[in-house]
Amino acid sequence: MQNLKDHIDEPMLKVVAGLNLLGFTTVMSCCGFEYKGEKVKKSHLPKPYVYLNSKEVMESHHLREILCDLALKSSWVFYDHRVFIDFYAETWKDNHIWSKRESVHNYESYILSISALNKAILTRSSDFKDKARIWDGNNLYKEQVSVHWQYEPAEDWIVTKEEYLTMSV
């Protein structure tokens, strides 16, 4: 079994680590584009996103306050689906010429949005826990939806505040 760190899109590693260190439970994430050196080939949704555990956020005034603060400081928005919160970057409109996957500029808006969220997360580093266990959201689907869930969950990733602060963006 591989470590979850190897399954998270590299451009999203610092975002996922930072959100978990802030106390969120991330369920899934995607950077929205194919990138050089991608370890696990995926079909990316056309947006950077992180799914957060909705129940935890809705039951914690502190997490709701942090989520709103991060959204205000970045180009990210959120929508509560009751099971998970879709926290995502608003990027190209569908009719924009660069929104097409084959455009050489398609990924740029995604990278800029991820960078903005990383900067917003860093402003909250005083709220970081010393370490966080990040679990693979595929466990949820395998255990609660169907044993036939085909994407095998990866081993948990334990991230420390020190590791986060030395991660490149």
N, C-alpha and C. Protein backbone atom coordinates (compact mmCIF):
# COMPACT_ATOMS: atom_id res chain seq x y z
N MET A 1 0.84 -1.18 0.00
CA MET A 1 0.00 0.00 0.00
C MET A 1 0.88 1.24 0.00
N GLN A 2 0.56 2.18 -0.88
CA GLN A 2 1.33 3.41 -0.96
C GLN A 2 0.81 4.44 0.03
N ASN A 3 1.67 5.39 0.36
CA ASN A 3 1.30 6.47 1.26
C ASN A 3 0.40 7.46 0.51
N LEU A 4 -0.57 8.00 1.21
CA LEU A 4 -1.51 8.94 0.61
C LEU A 4 -0.79 10.14 -0.02
N LYS A 5 0.31 10.56 0.57
CA LYS A 5 1.06 11.70 0.05
C LYS A 5 1.41 11.51 -1.42
N ASP A 6 1.64 10.25 -1.83
CA ASP A 6 1.98 9.95 -3.23
C ASP A 6 0.76 9.95 -4.14
N HIS A 7 -0.44 10.03 -3.58
CA HIS A 7 -1.67 9.99 -4.38
C HIS A 7 -2.34 11.36 -4.50
N ILE A 8 -1.90 12.31 -3.70
CA ILE A 8 -2.46 13.66 -3.77
C ILE A 8 -1.75 14.40 -4.90
N ASP A 9 -2.53 15.12 -5.71
CA ASP A 9 -1.92 15.90 -6.78
C ASP A 9 -0.86 16.82 -6.18
N GLU A 10 0.34 16.74 -6.76
CA GLU A 10 1.46 17.51 -6.22
C GLU A 10 1.16 19.00 -6.04
N PRO A 11 0.47 19.65 -7.00
CA PRO A 11 0.17 21.07 -6.78
C PRO A 11 -0.76 21.32 -5.58
N MET A 12 -1.44 20.27 -5.09
CA MET A 12 -2.39 20.42 -3.98
C MET A 12 -1.82 19.95 -2.64
N LEU A 13 -0.61 19.40 -2.61
CA LEU A 13 -0.06 18.83 -1.38
C LEU A 13 -0.06 19.83 -0.21
N LYS A 14 0.43 21.04 -0.47
CA LYS A 14 0.53 22.02 0.61
C LYS A 14 -0.85 22.47 1.08
N VAL A 15 -1.80 22.60 0.17
CA VAL A 15 -3.17 22.96 0.52
C VAL A 15 -3.76 21.89 1.44
N VAL A 16 -3.66 20.63 1.03
CA VAL A 16 -4.24 19.53 1.81
C VAL A 16 -3.57 19.45 3.18
N ALA A 17 -2.25 19.54 3.21
CA ALA A 17 -1.54 19.49 4.49
C ALA A 17 -1.97 20.65 5.39
N GLY A 18 -2.02 21.86 4.85
CA GLY A 18 -2.38 23.03 5.63
C GLY A 18 -3.79 22.96 6.18
N LEU A 19 -4.74 22.53 5.36
CA LEU A 19 -6.12 22.43 5.82
C LEU A 19 -6.25 21.42 6.97
N ASN A 20 -5.56 20.30 6.86
CA ASN A 20 -5.62 19.30 7.93
C ASN A 20 -4.94 19.81 9.19
N LEU A 21 -3.85 20.53 9.05
CA LEU A 21 -3.18 21.11 10.22
C LEU A 21 -4.06 22.17 10.89
N LEU A 22 -4.95 22.79 10.12
CA LEU A 22 -5.89 23.75 10.69
C LEU A 22 -7.06 23.06 11.40
N GLY A 23 -7.17 21.73 11.24
CA GLY A 23 -8.22 21.00 11.92
C GLY A 23 -9.31 20.44 11.02
N PHE A 24 -9.25 20.73 9.73
CA PHE A 24 -10.23 20.19 8.80
C PHE A 24 -9.90 18.73 8.51
N THR A 25 -10.90 17.97 8.12
CA THR A 25 -10.68 16.62 7.59
C THR A 25 -10.96 16.70 6.10
N THR A 26 -9.92 16.53 5.30
CA THR A 26 -10.10 16.53 3.85
C THR A 26 -10.50 15.13 3.42
N VAL A 27 -11.39 15.06 2.45
CA VAL A 27 -11.89 13.77 1.97
C VAL A 27 -11.27 13.44 0.61
N MET A 28 -11.26 14.38 -0.29
CA MET A 28 -10.66 14.22 -1.62
C MET A 28 -10.18 15.58 -2.08
N SER A 29 -9.31 15.57 -3.09
CA SER A 29 -8.84 16.83 -3.67
C SER A 29 -8.39 16.60 -5.10
N CYS A 30 -8.29 17.70 -5.84
CA CYS A 30 -7.84 17.62 -7.24
C CYS A 30 -7.30 18.99 -7.63
N CYS A 31 -6.24 19.02 -8.42
CA CYS A 31 -5.68 20.29 -8.87
C CYS A 31 -6.37 20.80 -10.13
N GLY A 32 -7.09 19.94 -10.85
CA GLY A 32 -7.85 20.35 -12.02
C GLY A 32 -7.15 20.22 -13.35
N PHE A 33 -5.89 19.76 -13.36
CA PHE A 33 -5.16 19.69 -14.63
C PHE A 33 -4.09 18.60 -14.54
N GLU A 34 -3.66 18.12 -15.72
CA GLU A 34 -2.54 17.18 -15.77
C GLU A 34 -1.26 17.99 -15.59
N TYR A 35 -0.30 17.40 -14.90
CA TYR A 35 0.95 18.12 -14.66
C TYR A 35 2.14 17.19 -14.84
N LYS A 36 3.29 17.79 -15.10
CA LYS A 36 4.53 17.06 -15.33
C LYS A 36 4.89 16.28 -14.06
N GLY A 37 5.25 15.01 -14.24
CA GLY A 37 5.66 14.18 -13.11
C GLY A 37 4.51 13.58 -12.32
N GLU A 38 3.32 13.63 -12.86
CA GLU A 38 2.14 13.08 -12.17
C GLU A 38 2.37 11.60 -11.89
N LYS A 39 2.35 11.21 -10.61
CA LYS A 39 2.65 9.83 -10.21
C LYS A 39 1.51 8.88 -10.49
N VAL A 40 0.29 9.32 -10.25
CA VAL A 40 -0.90 8.51 -10.49
C VAL A 40 -1.75 9.26 -11.51
N LYS A 41 -1.92 8.68 -12.70
CA LYS A 41 -2.70 9.33 -13.75
C LYS A 41 -4.18 9.33 -13.35
N LYS A 42 -4.81 10.50 -13.51
CA LYS A 42 -6.20 10.66 -13.12
C LYS A 42 -6.96 11.41 -14.21
N SER A 43 -8.26 11.32 -14.12
CA SER A 43 -9.13 12.18 -14.93
C SER A 43 -9.50 13.35 -14.03
N HIS A 44 -8.90 14.50 -14.27
CA HIS A 44 -9.09 15.65 -13.40
C HIS A 44 -10.40 16.37 -13.70
N LEU A 45 -11.11 16.78 -12.65
CA LEU A 45 -12.24 17.67 -12.83
C LEU A 45 -11.68 19.02 -13.27
N PRO A 46 -12.44 19.79 -14.02
CA PRO A 46 -11.89 21.07 -14.52
C PRO A 46 -11.95 22.19 -13.48
N LYS A 47 -11.47 21.90 -12.27
CA LYS A 47 -11.37 22.93 -11.22
C LYS A 47 -10.51 22.38 -10.10
N PRO A 48 -9.75 23.23 -9.42
CA PRO A 48 -9.08 22.80 -8.20
C PRO A 48 -10.14 22.73 -7.10
N TYR A 49 -10.12 21.65 -6.32
CA TYR A 49 -11.10 21.53 -5.23
C TYR A 49 -10.55 20.67 -4.11
N VAL A 50 -11.18 20.82 -2.95
CA VAL A 50 -10.94 19.96 -1.80
C VAL A 50 -12.32 19.68 -1.21
N TYR A 51 -12.62 18.41 -0.96
CA TYR A 51 -13.84 18.07 -0.24
C TYR A 51 -13.49 18.00 1.24
N LEU A 52 -14.28 18.70 2.05
CA LEU A 52 -14.08 18.72 3.50
C LEU A 52 -15.23 18.00 4.18
N ASN A 53 -14.97 17.41 5.33
CA ASN A 53 -16.01 16.75 6.11
C ASN A 53 -17.00 17.80 6.59
N SER A 54 -18.22 17.75 6.08
CA SER A 54 -19.22 18.77 6.38
C SER A 54 -19.65 18.76 7.84
N LYS A 55 -19.89 17.60 8.40
CA LYS A 55 -20.38 17.50 9.78
C LYS A 55 -19.42 18.19 10.75
N GLU A 56 -18.12 17.92 10.58
CA GLU A 56 -17.12 18.54 11.47
C GLU A 56 -17.12 20.06 11.36
N VAL A 57 -17.21 20.54 10.13
CA VAL A 57 -17.18 21.99 9.93
C VAL A 57 -18.45 22.64 10.49
N MET A 58 -19.60 22.05 10.23
CA MET A 58 -20.85 22.63 10.68
C MET A 58 -20.99 22.60 12.21
N GLU A 59 -20.31 21.68 12.86
CA GLU A 59 -20.39 21.58 14.32
C GLU A 59 -19.33 22.42 15.03
N SER A 60 -18.46 23.07 14.27
CA SER A 60 -17.37 23.84 14.87
C SER A 60 -17.40 25.30 14.39
N HIS A 61 -17.72 26.19 15.30
CA HIS A 61 -17.71 27.61 14.97
C HIS A 61 -16.31 28.03 14.50
N HIS A 62 -15.28 27.49 15.15
CA HIS A 62 -13.89 27.83 14.81
C HIS A 62 -13.57 27.43 13.36
N LEU A 63 -13.94 26.22 12.94
CA LEU A 63 -13.66 25.78 11.57
C LEU A 63 -14.47 26.58 10.55
N ARG A 64 -15.72 26.90 10.88
CA ARG A 64 -16.53 27.71 9.97
C ARG A 64 -15.90 29.09 9.79
N GLU A 65 -15.41 29.65 10.87
CA GLU A 65 -14.77 30.97 10.81
C GLU A 65 -13.50 30.91 9.94
N ILE A 66 -12.70 29.87 10.12
CA ILE A 66 -11.48 29.71 9.31
C ILE A 66 -11.84 29.54 7.83
N LEU A 67 -12.84 28.70 7.54
CA LEU A 67 -13.24 28.46 6.16
C LEU A 67 -13.69 29.76 5.49
N CYS A 68 -14.48 30.55 6.17
CA CYS A 68 -14.93 31.84 5.62
C CYS A 68 -13.74 32.78 5.41
N ASP A 69 -12.83 32.80 6.35
CA ASP A 69 -11.63 33.64 6.24
C ASP A 69 -10.79 33.23 5.03
N LEU A 70 -10.59 31.92 4.85
CA LEU A 70 -9.79 31.45 3.71
C LEU A 70 -10.48 31.80 2.39
N ALA A 71 -11.79 31.65 2.34
CA ALA A 71 -12.53 31.98 1.12
C ALA A 71 -12.40 33.47 0.80
N LEU A 72 -12.50 34.31 1.82
CA LEU A 72 -12.39 35.76 1.60
C LEU A 72 -11.00 36.17 1.15
N LYS A 73 -9.97 35.45 1.60
CA LYS A 73 -8.59 35.81 1.27
C LYS A 73 -8.09 35.17 -0.04
N SER A 74 -8.92 34.37 -0.66
CA SER A 74 -8.51 33.67 -1.89
C SER A 74 -9.66 33.72 -2.89
N SER A 75 -9.50 33.08 -4.01
CA SER A 75 -10.56 33.03 -5.02
C SER A 75 -11.40 31.76 -4.88
N TRP A 76 -11.43 31.19 -3.68
CA TRP A 76 -12.13 29.94 -3.45
C TRP A 76 -13.50 30.19 -2.83
N VAL A 77 -14.43 29.31 -3.15
CA VAL A 77 -15.79 29.37 -2.61
C VAL A 77 -16.15 27.98 -2.08
N PHE A 78 -17.24 27.89 -1.34
CA PHE A 78 -17.63 26.57 -0.84
C PHE A 78 -19.12 26.38 -0.93
N TYR A 79 -19.50 25.13 -1.06
CA TYR A 79 -20.90 24.73 -1.12
C TYR A 79 -21.05 23.48 -0.26
N ASP A 80 -22.01 23.52 0.66
CA ASP A 80 -22.23 22.39 1.56
C ASP A 80 -23.19 21.40 0.93
N HIS A 81 -22.69 20.19 0.68
CA HIS A 81 -23.51 19.11 0.13
C HIS A 81 -24.05 18.20 1.24
N ARG A 82 -23.95 18.62 2.47
CA ARG A 82 -24.40 17.90 3.67
C ARG A 82 -23.44 16.79 4.10
N VAL A 83 -22.90 16.02 3.19
CA VAL A 83 -21.92 14.99 3.54
C VAL A 83 -20.51 15.58 3.47
N PHE A 84 -20.28 16.37 2.44
CA PHE A 84 -18.99 17.03 2.29
C PHE A 84 -19.21 18.46 1.83
N ILE A 85 -18.22 19.28 2.09
CA ILE A 85 -18.22 20.66 1.60
C ILE A 85 -17.28 20.71 0.41
N ASP A 86 -17.80 21.14 -0.71
CA ASP A 86 -17.01 21.32 -1.92
C ASP A 86 -16.36 22.70 -1.82
N PHE A 87 -15.08 22.74 -1.52
CA PHE A 87 -14.31 23.98 -1.40
C PHE A 87 -13.49 24.07 -2.68
N TYR A 88 -13.80 25.02 -3.56
CA TYR A 88 -13.20 25.01 -4.88
C TYR A 88 -12.86 26.42 -5.37
N ALA A 89 -11.99 26.47 -6.37
CA ALA A 89 -11.58 27.74 -6.96
C ALA A 89 -12.52 28.09 -8.10
N GLU A 90 -12.98 29.32 -8.09
CA GLU A 90 -13.72 29.81 -9.25
C GLU A 90 -12.68 30.29 -10.26
N THR A 91 -12.67 29.65 -11.40
CA THR A 91 -11.64 29.97 -12.40
C THR A 91 -12.31 30.40 -13.70
N TRP A 92 -11.81 29.89 -14.81
CA TRP A 92 -12.33 30.28 -16.12
C TRP A 92 -13.81 29.99 -16.24
N LYS A 93 -14.52 30.88 -16.88
CA LYS A 93 -15.91 30.61 -17.25
C LYS A 93 -15.89 29.67 -18.45
N ASP A 94 -16.91 28.84 -18.57
CA ASP A 94 -16.95 27.81 -19.63
C ASP A 94 -16.75 28.38 -21.03
N ASN A 95 -17.21 29.59 -21.28
CA ASN A 95 -17.11 30.14 -22.63
C ASN A 95 -15.80 30.90 -22.88
N HIS A 96 -14.92 30.96 -21.88
CA HIS A 96 -13.63 31.63 -22.05
C HIS A 96 -12.72 30.74 -22.91
N ILE A 97 -12.00 31.33 -23.83
CA ILE A 97 -11.15 30.58 -24.76
C ILE A 97 -10.12 29.72 -24.03
N TRP A 98 -9.62 30.19 -22.87
CA TRP A 98 -8.61 29.44 -22.14
C TRP A 98 -9.21 28.35 -21.26
N SER A 99 -10.54 28.27 -21.19
CA SER A 99 -11.16 27.24 -20.36
C SER A 99 -11.08 25.85 -21.02
N LYS A 100 -10.80 25.83 -22.30
CA LYS A 100 -10.71 24.54 -23.01
C LYS A 100 -9.43 23.82 -22.61
N ARG A 101 -9.54 22.53 -22.33
CA ARG A 101 -8.39 21.73 -21.85
C ARG A 101 -7.18 21.81 -22.78
N GLU A 102 -7.43 21.90 -24.08
CA GLU A 102 -6.31 21.92 -25.03
C GLU A 102 -5.59 23.26 -25.08
N SER A 103 -6.12 24.28 -24.42
CA SER A 103 -5.46 25.58 -24.39
C SER A 103 -4.18 25.48 -23.57
N VAL A 104 -3.12 26.06 -24.08
CA VAL A 104 -1.84 26.06 -23.39
C VAL A 104 -1.93 26.83 -22.07
N HIS A 105 -2.92 27.72 -21.96
CA HIS A 105 -3.08 28.54 -20.76
C HIS A 105 -4.09 27.97 -19.77
N ASN A 106 -4.69 26.84 -20.06
CA ASN A 106 -5.77 26.29 -19.24
C ASN A 106 -5.40 26.16 -17.77
N TYR A 107 -4.22 25.67 -17.47
CA TYR A 107 -3.82 25.38 -16.09
C TYR A 107 -3.49 26.64 -15.27
N GLU A 108 -3.21 27.76 -15.94
CA GLU A 108 -2.69 28.95 -15.25
C GLU A 108 -3.64 29.48 -14.18
N SER A 109 -4.90 29.55 -14.48
CA SER A 109 -5.88 30.03 -13.51
C SER A 109 -5.93 29.10 -12.29
N TYR A 110 -5.76 27.80 -12.53
CA TYR A 110 -5.79 26.83 -11.43
C TYR A 110 -4.58 27.03 -10.52
N ILE A 111 -3.41 27.18 -11.11
CA ILE A 111 -2.18 27.39 -10.32
C ILE A 111 -2.27 28.68 -9.51
N LEU A 112 -2.77 29.73 -10.13
CA LEU A 112 -2.90 31.01 -9.42
C LEU A 112 -3.88 30.88 -8.25
N SER A 113 -4.96 30.15 -8.45
CA SER A 113 -5.94 29.94 -7.39
C SER A 113 -5.36 29.11 -6.25
N ILE A 114 -4.62 28.06 -6.58
CA ILE A 114 -3.99 27.22 -5.56
C ILE A 114 -2.98 28.04 -4.78
N SER A 115 -2.22 28.89 -5.47
CA SER A 115 -1.25 29.75 -4.81
C SER A 115 -1.94 30.72 -3.85
N ALA A 116 -3.06 31.30 -4.28
CA ALA A 116 -3.80 32.23 -3.42
C ALA A 116 -4.30 31.54 -2.16
N LEU A 117 -4.78 30.30 -2.30
CA LEU A 117 -5.26 29.56 -1.14
C LEU A 117 -4.09 29.21 -0.21
N ASN A 118 -2.96 28.80 -0.78
CA ASN A 118 -1.78 28.53 0.06
C ASN A 118 -1.38 29.75 0.88
N LYS A 119 -1.40 30.93 0.26
CA LYS A 119 -1.07 32.17 0.98
C LYS A 119 -2.07 32.44 2.08
N ALA A 120 -3.35 32.20 1.81
CA ALA A 120 -4.39 32.41 2.82
C ALA A 120 -4.21 31.45 3.99
N ILE A 121 -3.90 30.18 3.69
CA ILE A 121 -3.68 29.19 4.74
C ILE A 121 -2.50 29.60 5.61
N LEU A 122 -1.44 30.08 4.99
CA LEU A 122 -0.25 30.49 5.74
C LEU A 122 -0.56 31.62 6.73
N THR A 123 -1.53 32.47 6.41
CA THR A 123 -1.89 33.55 7.35
C THR A 123 -2.53 32.99 8.62
N ARG A 124 -2.96 31.73 8.57
CA ARG A 124 -3.59 31.10 9.73
C ARG A 124 -2.66 30.10 10.42
N SER A 125 -1.36 30.15 10.12
CA SER A 125 -0.43 29.14 10.65
C SER A 125 -0.37 29.13 12.17
N SER A 126 -0.74 30.23 12.83
CA SER A 126 -0.76 30.22 14.30
C SER A 126 -1.87 29.30 14.83
N ASP A 127 -2.82 28.93 13.97
CA ASP A 127 -3.90 28.00 14.34
C ASP A 127 -3.52 26.54 14.08
N PHE A 128 -2.36 26.30 13.48
CA PHE A 128 -1.96 24.93 13.14
C PHE A 128 -1.79 24.05 14.38
N LYS A 129 -2.19 22.79 14.23
CA LYS A 129 -1.84 21.77 15.21
C LYS A 129 -0.39 21.37 14.92
N ASP A 130 0.26 20.68 15.85
CA ASP A 130 1.64 20.24 15.61
C ASP A 130 1.73 19.19 14.52
N LYS A 131 0.70 18.33 14.42
CA LYS A 131 0.66 17.31 13.37
C LYS A 131 -0.78 16.91 13.09
N ALA A 132 -0.98 16.31 11.94
CA ALA A 132 -2.32 15.86 11.54
C ALA A 132 -2.20 14.55 10.78
N ARG A 133 -3.17 13.68 11.01
CA ARG A 133 -3.27 12.43 10.24
C ARG A 133 -4.25 12.67 9.10
N ILE A 134 -3.78 12.47 7.89
CA ILE A 134 -4.62 12.67 6.70
C ILE A 134 -4.96 11.30 6.15
N TRP A 135 -6.24 11.01 6.10
CA TRP A 135 -6.69 9.70 5.63
C TRP A 135 -7.25 9.81 4.22
N ASP A 136 -7.25 8.71 3.51
CA ASP A 136 -7.72 8.66 2.13
C ASP A 136 -9.24 8.55 2.12
N GLY A 137 -9.89 9.49 1.46
CA GLY A 137 -11.35 9.49 1.36
C GLY A 137 -11.90 8.24 0.69
N ASN A 138 -11.07 7.52 -0.05
CA ASN A 138 -11.55 6.28 -0.67
C ASN A 138 -11.93 5.25 0.39
N ASN A 139 -11.37 5.37 1.60
CA ASN A 139 -11.79 4.49 2.71
C ASN A 139 -13.28 4.64 2.98
N LEU A 140 -13.76 5.88 2.97
CA LEU A 140 -15.16 6.17 3.22
C LEU A 140 -16.05 5.43 2.22
N TYR A 141 -15.71 5.53 0.95
CA TYR A 141 -16.51 4.90 -0.09
C TYR A 141 -16.43 3.38 -0.02
N LYS A 142 -15.24 2.87 0.24
CA LYS A 142 -15.05 1.42 0.32
C LYS A 142 -15.82 0.84 1.50
N GLU A 143 -15.80 1.54 2.65
CA GLU A 143 -16.44 1.03 3.86
C GLU A 143 -17.94 1.31 3.91
N GLN A 144 -18.37 2.49 3.45
CA GLN A 144 -19.76 2.88 3.63
C GLN A 144 -20.62 2.80 2.38
N VAL A 145 -20.00 2.69 1.22
CA VAL A 145 -20.78 2.64 -0.01
C VAL A 145 -20.77 1.24 -0.61
N SER A 146 -19.58 0.73 -0.92
CA SER A 146 -19.51 -0.59 -1.54
C SER A 146 -18.10 -1.17 -1.47
N VAL A 147 -18.03 -2.45 -1.17
CA VAL A 147 -16.74 -3.14 -1.18
C VAL A 147 -16.19 -3.21 -2.60
N HIS A 148 -17.02 -2.89 -3.58
CA HIS A 148 -16.60 -2.92 -4.98
C HIS A 148 -16.02 -1.58 -5.45
N TRP A 149 -15.87 -0.63 -4.51
CA TRP A 149 -15.20 0.64 -4.84
C TRP A 149 -13.82 0.28 -5.38
N GLN A 150 -13.48 0.73 -6.57
CA GLN A 150 -12.30 0.21 -7.25
C GLN A 150 -11.00 0.95 -6.96
N TYR A 151 -11.05 2.13 -6.42
CA TYR A 151 -9.81 2.86 -6.14
C TYR A 151 -9.37 2.47 -4.74
N GLU A 152 -8.28 1.71 -4.63
CA GLU A 152 -7.80 1.23 -3.34
C GLU A 152 -7.30 2.37 -2.47
N PRO A 153 -7.77 2.45 -1.24
CA PRO A 153 -7.30 3.51 -0.33
C PRO A 153 -5.80 3.38 -0.06
N ALA A 154 -5.16 4.51 0.09
CA ALA A 154 -3.73 4.55 0.40
C ALA A 154 -3.55 4.67 1.92
N GLU A 155 -2.34 4.42 2.35
CA GLU A 155 -1.98 4.52 3.77
C GLU A 155 -2.03 5.99 4.21
N ASP A 156 -2.48 6.22 5.45
CA ASP A 156 -2.57 7.58 5.99
C ASP A 156 -1.24 8.31 5.87
N TRP A 157 -1.33 9.63 5.75
CA TRP A 157 -0.16 10.49 5.72
C TRP A 157 -0.20 11.32 7.00
N ILE A 158 0.86 11.26 7.77
CA ILE A 158 0.96 12.09 8.97
C ILE A 158 1.87 13.25 8.62
N VAL A 159 1.30 14.45 8.65
CA VAL A 159 2.04 15.66 8.30
C VAL A 159 2.27 16.48 9.56
N THR A 160 3.46 17.06 9.66
CA THR A 160 3.77 17.91 10.81
C THR A 160 3.80 19.37 10.36
N LYS A 161 3.68 20.25 11.33
CA LYS A 161 3.75 21.68 11.06
C LYS A 161 5.11 22.02 10.43
N GLU A 162 6.18 21.39 10.94
CA GLU A 162 7.51 21.64 10.40
C GLU A 162 7.61 21.21 8.94
N GLU A 163 7.05 20.03 8.61
CA GLU A 163 7.08 19.56 7.23
C GLU A 163 6.33 20.55 6.32
N TYR A 164 5.17 20.99 6.78
CA TYR A 164 4.38 21.95 6.00
C TYR A 164 5.19 23.21 5.71
N LEU A 165 5.81 23.75 6.73
CA LEU A 165 6.53 25.02 6.57
C LEU A 165 7.73 24.91 5.63
N THR A 166 8.21 23.69 5.37
CA THR A 166 9.34 23.51 4.45
C THR A 166 8.90 23.03 3.07
N MET A 167 7.61 22.79 2.88
CA MET A 167 7.10 22.30 1.59
C MET A 167 7.16 23.41 0.54
N SER A 168 7.50 23.04 -0.68
CA SER A 168 7.47 24.02 -1.77
C SER A 168 6.02 24.12 -2.28
N VAL A 169 5.77 25.18 -2.97
CA VAL A 169 4.41 25.41 -3.46
C VAL A 169 4.28 24.92 -4.88
